[in-house]
């Protein structure tokens, strides 16, 4: 767990160095907040779907060319009983994803005079899921697929929304914090999603970023 942030920092530095060597900006950072939606598993006896405005994420993206890139990100989600807040789970996630500029593939950016764009992304990651009542967290492997509409505010800033669906491989705890099967033995695949709104900041000395060039 402690090694992952160091790897991310090293990767960020490599991307910044690569971006500095091009006249077309390819690097961006982003941050957003939004909705965490638990799909399964959780016990239906609770008067809650363990979903709400409990999502936060930050990320860095490097576009290899105008159409394809790679993104690394960190996210935090809380799946909480409503009301009360004493029953539920915390999820901390690190992800690596491939990115495709589908807006450019279908000439959306050209037709809207470089105001609207759409990115698609998919990847894998590492996450910890910790019940509120448990002393330790379990490790799960999230697989993700999502879509990100964008609106360019300026050459350096864009507004984005995002919908991403996740499947957690080998999830032993339900989103309500209870064990799926005791003892800690048989896992399940957990599903949840995020709705996110935030800002993208384009880095580099060039005027244009590859999202809009």
C-alpha atoms as a PDB file:
ATOM      1  CA  UNK A   1       0.000   0.000   0.000  1.00  0.00           C
ATOM      2  CA  UNK A   2       2.742   2.458   0.895  1.00  0.00           C
ATOM      3  CA  UNK A   3       4.599   1.763  -2.372  1.00  0.00           C
ATOM      4  CA  UNK A   4       1.722   2.803  -4.628  1.00  0.00           C
ATOM      5  CA  UNK A   5       1.843   6.586  -3.981  1.00  0.00           C
ATOM      6  CA  UNK A   6       5.612   6.559  -4.655  1.00  0.00           C
ATOM      7  CA  UNK A   7       5.040   4.801  -7.973  1.00  0.00           C
ATOM      8  CA  UNK A   8       2.381   7.371  -8.876  1.00  0.00           C
ATOM      9  CA  UNK A   9       4.699  10.270  -8.056  1.00  0.00           C
ATOM     10  CA  UNK A  10       7.456   8.770 -10.224  1.00  0.00           C
ATOM     11  CA  UNK A  11       4.999   8.250 -13.057  1.00  0.00           C
ATOM     12  CA  UNK A  12       3.791  11.860 -12.752  1.00  0.00           C
ATOM     13  CA  UNK A  13       7.376  13.143 -13.018  1.00  0.00           C
ATOM     14  CA  UNK A  14       7.965  11.039 -16.135  1.00  0.00           C
ATOM     15  CA  UNK A  15       4.820  12.438 -17.746  1.00  0.00           C
ATOM     16  CA  UNK A  16       5.778  16.028 -16.915  1.00  0.00           C
ATOM     17  CA  UNK A  17       9.216  15.475 -18.471  1.00  0.00           C
ATOM     18  CA  UNK A  18       7.679  13.991 -21.619  1.00  0.00           C
ATOM     19  CA  UNK A  19       5.179  16.859 -21.888  1.00  0.00           C
ATOM     20  CA  UNK A  20       7.956  19.447 -21.669  1.00  0.00           C
ATOM     21  CA  UNK A  21       9.572  18.009 -24.792  1.00  0.00           C
ATOM     22  CA  UNK A  22       6.608  18.699 -27.105  1.00  0.00           C
ATOM     23  CA  UNK A  23       5.150  21.902 -28.567  1.00  0.00           C
ATOM     24  CA  UNK A  24       1.627  20.463 -28.330  1.00  0.00           C
ATOM     25  CA  UNK A  25       0.488  20.064 -24.734  1.00  0.00           C
ATOM     26  CA  UNK A  26      -0.347  16.464 -23.892  1.00  0.00           C
ATOM     27  CA  UNK A  27      -0.520  16.511 -20.099  1.00  0.00           C
ATOM     28  CA  UNK A  28      -3.468  17.445 -17.888  1.00  0.00           C
ATOM     29  CA  UNK A  29      -4.555  17.158 -14.279  1.00  0.00           C
ATOM     30  CA  UNK A  30      -8.128  16.954 -13.074  1.00  0.00           C
ATOM     31  CA  UNK A  31     -10.195  16.824  -9.936  1.00  0.00           C
ATOM     32  CA  UNK A  32     -13.856  16.267  -9.233  1.00  0.00           C
ATOM     33  CA  UNK A  33     -16.549  15.366  -6.745  1.00  0.00           C
ATOM     34  CA  UNK A  34     -19.760  13.477  -7.177  1.00  0.00           C
ATOM     35  CA  UNK A  35     -22.029  10.551  -6.440  1.00  0.00           C
ATOM     36  CA  UNK A  36     -21.062   7.063  -5.258  1.00  0.00           C
ATOM     37  CA  UNK A  37     -23.691   4.498  -6.239  1.00  0.00           C
ATOM     38  CA  UNK A  38     -23.544   1.047  -4.648  1.00  0.00           C
ATOM     39  CA  UNK A  39     -25.216  -1.623  -6.790  1.00  0.00           C
ATOM     40  CA  UNK A  40     -24.374  -4.916  -5.032  1.00  0.00           C
ATOM     41  CA  UNK A  41     -23.827  -6.510  -2.622  1.00  0.00           C
ATOM     42  CA  UNK A  42     -25.528  -4.994   0.434  1.00  0.00           C
ATOM     43  CA  UNK A  43     -28.249  -6.262   2.763  1.00  0.00           C
ATOM     44  CA  UNK A  44     -31.716  -5.035   1.822  1.00  0.00           C
ATOM     45  CA  UNK A  45     -32.856  -4.955   5.447  1.00  0.00           C
ATOM     46  CA  UNK A  46     -31.263  -1.524   5.817  1.00  0.00           C
ATOM     47  CA  UNK A  47     -33.327   1.519   4.928  1.00  0.00           C
ATOM     48  CA  UNK A  48     -30.561   2.675   2.600  1.00  0.00           C
ATOM     49  CA  UNK A  49     -29.031   1.927  -0.787  1.00  0.00           C
ATOM     50  CA  UNK A  50     -25.603   3.008   0.555  1.00  0.00           C
ATOM     51  CA  UNK A  51     -25.302   5.660  -2.155  1.00  0.00           C
ATOM     52  CA  UNK A  52     -24.824   9.397  -2.006  1.00  0.00           C
ATOM     53  CA  UNK A  53     -22.650  12.433  -2.668  1.00  0.00           C
ATOM     54  CA  UNK A  54     -19.558  10.844  -1.148  1.00  0.00           C
ATOM     55  CA  UNK A  55     -17.106  10.662  -4.051  1.00  0.00           C
ATOM     56  CA  UNK A  56     -13.832  12.516  -4.660  1.00  0.00           C
ATOM     57  CA  UNK A  57     -11.095  11.899  -7.221  1.00  0.00           C
ATOM     58  CA  UNK A  58      -7.935  13.415  -8.688  1.00  0.00           C
ATOM     59  CA  UNK A  59      -6.021  12.280 -11.736  1.00  0.00           C
ATOM     60  CA  UNK A  60      -3.319  12.956 -14.301  1.00  0.00           C
ATOM     61  CA  UNK A  61      -3.611  12.112 -18.001  1.00  0.00           C
ATOM     62  CA  UNK A  62      -1.015  11.970 -20.766  1.00  0.00           C
ATOM     63  CA  UNK A  63      -2.166  11.814 -24.387  1.00  0.00           C
ATOM     64  CA  UNK A  64       0.288   9.822 -26.499  1.00  0.00           C
ATOM     65  CA  UNK A  65      -1.293  11.359 -29.601  1.00  0.00           C
ATOM     66  CA  UNK A  66      -4.544  13.137 -30.463  1.00  0.00           C
ATOM     67  CA  UNK A  67      -6.592   9.967 -30.034  1.00  0.00           C
ATOM     68  CA  UNK A  68      -5.061   7.757 -27.340  1.00  0.00           C
ATOM     69  CA  UNK A  69      -3.589   8.290 -23.905  1.00  0.00           C
ATOM     70  CA  UNK A  70      -3.068   6.931 -20.408  1.00  0.00           C
ATOM     71  CA  UNK A  71      -4.474   8.128 -17.108  1.00  0.00           C
ATOM     72  CA  UNK A  72      -3.582   7.495 -13.465  1.00  0.00           C
ATOM     73  CA  UNK A  73      -5.926   8.494 -10.669  1.00  0.00           C
ATOM     74  CA  UNK A  74      -6.817   8.269  -6.995  1.00  0.00           C
ATOM     75  CA  UNK A  75     -10.388   8.178  -5.710  1.00  0.00           C
ATOM     76  CA  UNK A  76     -12.201   7.983  -2.403  1.00  0.00           C
ATOM     77  CA  UNK A  77     -15.764   6.693  -1.997  1.00  0.00           C
ATOM     78  CA  UNK A  78     -17.905   6.292   1.100  1.00  0.00           C
ATOM     79  CA  UNK A  79     -20.878   3.920   1.095  1.00  0.00           C
ATOM     80  CA  UNK A  80     -22.863   5.009   4.131  1.00  0.00           C
ATOM     81  CA  UNK A  81     -26.135   4.073   5.828  1.00  0.00           C
ATOM     82  CA  UNK A  82     -28.668   6.886   5.741  1.00  0.00           C
ATOM     83  CA  UNK A  83     -29.406   8.102   8.344  1.00  0.00           C
ATOM     84  CA  UNK A  84     -26.749   7.442  10.938  1.00  0.00           C
ATOM     85  CA  UNK A  85     -23.405   7.091   9.215  1.00  0.00           C
ATOM     86  CA  UNK A  86     -22.294   4.260  11.525  1.00  0.00           C
ATOM     87  CA  UNK A  87     -22.867   1.438   9.040  1.00  0.00           C
ATOM     88  CA  UNK A  88     -21.049   1.238   5.728  1.00  0.00           C
ATOM     89  CA  UNK A  89     -17.637   1.109   4.075  1.00  0.00           C
ATOM     90  CA  UNK A  90     -14.814   3.339   2.884  1.00  0.00           C
ATOM     91  CA  UNK A  91     -13.135   2.608  -0.454  1.00  0.00           C
ATOM     92  CA  UNK A  92      -9.752   4.040  -1.501  1.00  0.00           C
ATOM     93  CA  UNK A  93      -8.745   3.357  -5.098  1.00  0.00           C
ATOM     94  CA  UNK A  94      -5.705   3.776  -7.376  1.00  0.00           C
ATOM     95  CA  UNK A  95      -6.274   3.187 -11.096  1.00  0.00           C
ATOM     96  CA  UNK A  96      -4.442   3.041 -14.418  1.00  0.00           C
ATOM     97  CA  UNK A  97      -6.590   3.441 -17.519  1.00  0.00           C
ATOM     98  CA  UNK A  98      -6.298   3.696 -21.250  1.00  0.00           C
ATOM     99  CA  UNK A  99      -8.071   6.720 -22.749  1.00  0.00           C
ATOM    100  CA  UNK A 100      -9.599   7.215 -26.205  1.00  0.00           C
ATOM    101  CA  UNK A 101     -10.689  10.593 -27.589  1.00  0.00           C
ATOM    102  CA  UNK A 102     -13.928   9.384 -29.196  1.00  0.00           C
ATOM    103  CA  UNK A 103     -15.100  12.959 -29.742  1.00  0.00           C
ATOM    104  CA  UNK A 104     -12.216  13.530 -32.107  1.00  0.00           C
ATOM    105  CA  UNK A 105     -12.726  10.158 -33.803  1.00  0.00           C
ATOM    106  CA  UNK A 106     -16.266  11.201 -34.711  1.00  0.00           C
ATOM    107  CA  UNK A 107     -15.371  14.850 -35.475  1.00  0.00           C
ATOM    108  CA  UNK A 108     -17.419  16.155 -32.531  1.00  0.00           C
ATOM    109  CA  UNK A 109     -14.756  18.689 -31.531  1.00  0.00           C
ATOM    110  CA  UNK A 110     -14.526  19.995 -35.114  1.00  0.00           C
ATOM    111  CA  UNK A 111     -18.313  20.274 -35.509  1.00  0.00           C
ATOM    112  CA  UNK A 112     -18.668  22.180 -32.227  1.00  0.00           C
ATOM    113  CA  UNK A 113     -15.715  24.492 -32.961  1.00  0.00           C
ATOM    114  CA  UNK A 114     -13.573  22.873 -30.250  1.00  0.00           C
ATOM    115  CA  UNK A 115     -16.085  23.413 -27.468  1.00  0.00           C
ATOM    116  CA  UNK A 116     -17.387  19.895 -26.784  1.00  0.00           C
ATOM    117  CA  UNK A 117     -15.441  16.653 -26.550  1.00  0.00           C
ATOM    118  CA  UNK A 118     -15.905  13.109 -25.288  1.00  0.00           C
ATOM    119  CA  UNK A 119     -13.320  10.734 -23.811  1.00  0.00           C
ATOM    120  CA  UNK A 120     -13.808   7.018 -23.186  1.00  0.00           C
ATOM    121  CA  UNK A 121     -11.640   5.164 -20.676  1.00  0.00           C
ATOM    122  CA  UNK A 122     -11.154   1.687 -19.237  1.00  0.00           C
ATOM    123  CA  UNK A 123      -8.615   0.092 -16.940  1.00  0.00           C
ATOM    124  CA  UNK A 124      -7.709  -1.728 -13.754  1.00  0.00           C
ATOM    125  CA  UNK A 125      -6.534  -0.733 -10.322  1.00  0.00           C
ATOM    126  CA  UNK A 126      -5.880  -1.478  -6.691  1.00  0.00           C
ATOM    127  CA  UNK A 127      -8.306  -0.588  -3.896  1.00  0.00           C
ATOM    128  CA  UNK A 128      -8.960  -1.115  -0.212  1.00  0.00           C
ATOM    129  CA  UNK A 129     -12.469  -1.559   1.179  1.00  0.00           C
ATOM    130  CA  UNK A 130     -12.848  -0.966   4.921  1.00  0.00           C
ATOM    131  CA  UNK A 131     -16.064  -1.488   6.904  1.00  0.00           C
ATOM    132  CA  UNK A 132     -16.694   1.261   9.461  1.00  0.00           C
ATOM    133  CA  UNK A 133     -16.744  -1.360  12.219  1.00  0.00           C
ATOM    134  CA  UNK A 134     -13.665  -3.375  11.135  1.00  0.00           C
ATOM    135  CA  UNK A 135     -10.086  -2.678  12.283  1.00  0.00           C
ATOM    136  CA  UNK A 136      -8.567  -3.584   8.900  1.00  0.00           C
ATOM    137  CA  UNK A 137      -9.378  -3.108   5.236  1.00  0.00           C
ATOM    138  CA  UNK A 138      -9.490  -5.774   2.563  1.00  0.00           C
ATOM    139  CA  UNK A 139      -7.818  -5.490  -0.843  1.00  0.00           C
ATOM    140  CA  UNK A 140      -9.946  -5.630  -3.965  1.00  0.00           C
ATOM    141  CA  UNK A 141      -9.129  -5.321  -7.667  1.00  0.00           C
ATOM    142  CA  UNK A 142     -11.385  -2.829  -9.466  1.00  0.00           C
ATOM    143  CA  UNK A 143     -12.031  -3.028 -13.217  1.00  0.00           C
ATOM    144  CA  UNK A 144     -13.484   0.132 -14.722  1.00  0.00           C
ATOM    145  CA  UNK A 145     -15.095   1.497 -17.876  1.00  0.00           C
ATOM    146  CA  UNK A 146     -16.405   5.020 -18.316  1.00  0.00           C
ATOM    147  CA  UNK A 147     -17.186   8.021 -20.487  1.00  0.00           C
ATOM    148  CA  UNK A 148     -16.219  11.671 -19.961  1.00  0.00           C
ATOM    149  CA  UNK A 149     -18.007  14.527 -21.771  1.00  0.00           C
ATOM    150  CA  UNK A 150     -15.963  17.763 -21.804  1.00  0.00           C
ATOM    151  CA  UNK A 151     -16.668  21.451 -22.364  1.00  0.00           C
ATOM    152  CA  UNK A 152     -13.667  23.698 -23.104  1.00  0.00           C
ATOM    153  CA  UNK A 153     -13.721  26.913 -21.076  1.00  0.00           C
ATOM    154  CA  UNK A 154     -10.348  28.173 -22.338  1.00  0.00           C
ATOM    155  CA  UNK A 155      -7.092  26.861 -23.810  1.00  0.00           C
ATOM    156  CA  UNK A 156      -6.018  25.840 -20.308  1.00  0.00           C
ATOM    157  CA  UNK A 157      -9.242  24.760 -18.564  1.00  0.00           C
ATOM    158  CA  UNK A 158     -12.157  22.460 -19.366  1.00  0.00           C
ATOM    159  CA  UNK A 159     -15.271  21.445 -17.456  1.00  0.00           C
ATOM    160  CA  UNK A 160     -16.042  17.725 -17.401  1.00  0.00           C
ATOM    161  CA  UNK A 161     -18.621  15.245 -16.235  1.00  0.00           C
ATOM    162  CA  UNK A 162     -17.952  11.529 -15.961  1.00  0.00           C
ATOM    163  CA  UNK A 163     -19.833   8.286 -15.519  1.00  0.00           C
ATOM    164  CA  UNK A 164     -17.742   5.243 -14.603  1.00  0.00           C
ATOM    165  CA  UNK A 165     -18.863   1.700 -13.782  1.00  0.00           C
ATOM    166  CA  UNK A 166     -16.708  -0.513 -11.541  1.00  0.00           C
ATOM    167  CA  UNK A 167     -16.521  -4.231 -10.786  1.00  0.00           C
ATOM    168  CA  UNK A 168     -14.538  -5.188  -7.674  1.00  0.00           C
ATOM    169  CA  UNK A 169     -12.889  -8.594  -7.993  1.00  0.00           C
ATOM    170  CA  UNK A 170     -12.863 -10.746  -4.822  1.00  0.00           C
ATOM    171  CA  UNK A 171     -14.902  -8.526  -2.543  1.00  0.00           C
ATOM    172  CA  UNK A 172     -15.483 -10.236   0.846  1.00  0.00           C
ATOM    173  CA  UNK A 173     -17.434  -7.439   2.526  1.00  0.00           C
ATOM    174  CA  UNK A 174     -20.766  -6.053   1.418  1.00  0.00           C
ATOM    175  CA  UNK A 175     -21.024  -2.295   1.015  1.00  0.00           C
ATOM    176  CA  UNK A 176     -22.892  -2.226   4.344  1.00  0.00           C
ATOM    177  CA  UNK A 177     -19.776  -3.638   6.035  1.00  0.00           C
ATOM    178  CA  UNK A 178     -21.039  -7.162   6.715  1.00  0.00           C
ATOM    179  CA  UNK A 179     -19.187 -10.281   5.580  1.00  0.00           C
ATOM    180  CA  UNK A 180     -20.668 -11.982   2.549  1.00  0.00           C
ATOM    181  CA  UNK A 181     -19.856 -15.356   4.087  1.00  0.00           C
ATOM    182  CA  UNK A 182     -18.353 -16.218   7.454  1.00  0.00           C
ATOM    183  CA  UNK A 183     -15.630 -17.143   8.008  1.00  0.00           C
ATOM    184  CA  UNK A 184     -13.662 -14.870   5.671  1.00  0.00           C
ATOM    185  CA  UNK A 185     -13.741 -17.338   2.815  1.00  0.00           C
ATOM    186  CA  UNK A 186     -15.994 -16.949  -0.227  1.00  0.00           C
ATOM    187  CA  UNK A 187     -15.772 -13.620  -2.085  1.00  0.00           C
ATOM    188  CA  UNK A 188     -18.161 -12.051  -4.570  1.00  0.00           C
ATOM    189  CA  UNK A 189     -17.866  -9.488  -7.334  1.00  0.00           C
ATOM    190  CA  UNK A 190     -19.045  -6.071  -6.184  1.00  0.00           C
ATOM    191  CA  UNK A 191     -20.477  -3.449  -8.507  1.00  0.00           C
ATOM    192  CA  UNK A 192     -20.744   0.318  -8.079  1.00  0.00           C
ATOM    193  CA  UNK A 193     -20.619   3.499 -10.148  1.00  0.00           C
ATOM    194  CA  UNK A 194     -19.570   7.144  -9.957  1.00  0.00           C
ATOM    195  CA  UNK A 195     -21.132  10.301 -11.352  1.00  0.00           C
ATOM    196  CA  UNK A 196     -18.471  13.039 -11.212  1.00  0.00           C
ATOM    197  CA  UNK A 197     -18.239  16.734 -12.095  1.00  0.00           C
ATOM    198  CA  UNK A 198     -14.983  18.674 -12.079  1.00  0.00           C
ATOM    199  CA  UNK A 199     -12.306  20.648 -13.880  1.00  0.00           C
ATOM    200  CA  UNK A 200      -9.438  19.679 -16.176  1.00  0.00           C
ATOM    201  CA  UNK A 201      -6.301  21.849 -16.195  1.00  0.00           C
ATOM    202  CA  UNK A 202      -4.027  21.575 -19.228  1.00  0.00           C
ATOM    203  CA  UNK A 203      -0.295  21.787 -18.513  1.00  0.00           C
ATOM    204  CA  UNK A 204       2.488  22.931 -20.798  1.00  0.00           C
ATOM    205  CA  UNK A 205       3.885  25.992 -22.554  1.00  0.00           C
ATOM    206  CA  UNK A 206       2.089  25.364 -25.843  1.00  0.00           C
ATOM    207  CA  UNK A 207      -1.163  27.089 -26.666  1.00  0.00           C
ATOM    208  CA  UNK A 208      -3.129  23.957 -27.546  1.00  0.00           C
ATOM    209  CA  UNK A 209      -3.714  20.624 -25.848  1.00  0.00           C
ATOM    210  CA  UNK A 210      -4.149  17.480 -27.923  1.00  0.00           C
ATOM    211  CA  UNK A 211      -7.763  17.191 -26.680  1.00  0.00           C
ATOM    212  CA  UNK A 212      -8.681  20.164 -28.869  1.00  0.00           C
ATOM    213  CA  UNK A 213      -5.900  20.454 -31.464  1.00  0.00           C
END
